[in-house]
Amino acid sequence: MTNRDQSEIRNAPFTTLNLSDFTAPFSALRELILWPKKLHHFSYSDTDGGTNGWDTATFGTLLTLHKETLQSIKFVSLCAWNSSRNCIDVSDYPTLHSITMPAWDMNCTPEEAASKLLSPRLESFTWSFCLIAQTSSVLEDFTESRANWLRRFITLAINQKSTLRKVHIELSPNDWSPSLVMATEDSYVYPVDRMDWIAAEFAPHGVSVTHDEDDRTREEINETIENIRWRRAVTS
C-alpha cells in the first residue's frame, strides 16, 4: 500500500472504514485513511487497549482530511497508558452527528471534552467502557466521579445550546461483583442507579441518557447486596 501511485490517493470509492488491531506503521494508517475520496463513517478498536501509543488525537490529524464529509466516528477499547493522552478535536466537523469515545482514553476535563467534541451537528455521544481483551466491562467502573464528569459534560452541552440529544453509556450491567468493602458501606450505590439518576436529571432538558439493559430486578440487586453484607458480618 505504501508504494501506491499518488493518483490513487483520495480516489477509492468506499465511504466506510472500520479498523481493528491495526499493526502496520503510522505511515500506512495515514495512506489508508487518505485512500477514499470521501469518508462518511470511521471506526477503530484495539484488543490490547492501544499499546501502539495512538490516542484519539493521533487520528484527528488524519481524519481532519475528511472532516467535511464524516458523519460518525467510533473509538473503542483504547486505554490511557500514560498521562499524555490527548482528545481528538472534531469541533469544526460540519456534518458529524455521532461520536463514540473510549472512557479509558479520555484524560481530559468535561470542559475540554465539550470544547473538542461538540461539533455543530453532533446529536449522539457514546461513552464506551468496553475493553475487548476482557470478557466484559466491570459495572463498578462507573464511579461517582465518572458520573459527575458525565453530568458536567451534558450540562455544558445544554448551556452551549449544542445539538446533543442522545448520550449512551456503553457498559454491560451483566458483570457486577461488588467487593465486600464496597457493598458493606452504607453509602454504596448500585452503578446503574447513577446512570438512571443522570437520565432523569437531563430528560426535561431534551437529552436522552441511556445505558445497556439490566436484567436484574430491584429485589435481586438488594438480595445480592444483603448476602454480601451477611457474609462479611459472619466472617469478621
Foldseek 3Di string as FASTA:
>chain_A
DLPDDPVQFLDDDDAEEEEEQDDDDPSVVLRVLRRHVAHAYYEYEYQQQCPVPDAQQNCLVRCVVRLQRYAEYEYARHAPPDLPQDHRASQASARHAYYEHEQRRDNDALVVCLRRPQHQRHAEYEYEPARNNDPFGELPVLDPVVLVRVLVNVVVCLVVVTNHQEYEYEHDPPHYDDDLVQLQDPPRDRSVVSQVVSQVVCVVVRHHYYYPDDPDDPVRVVVNSVVSNVVVVVVD
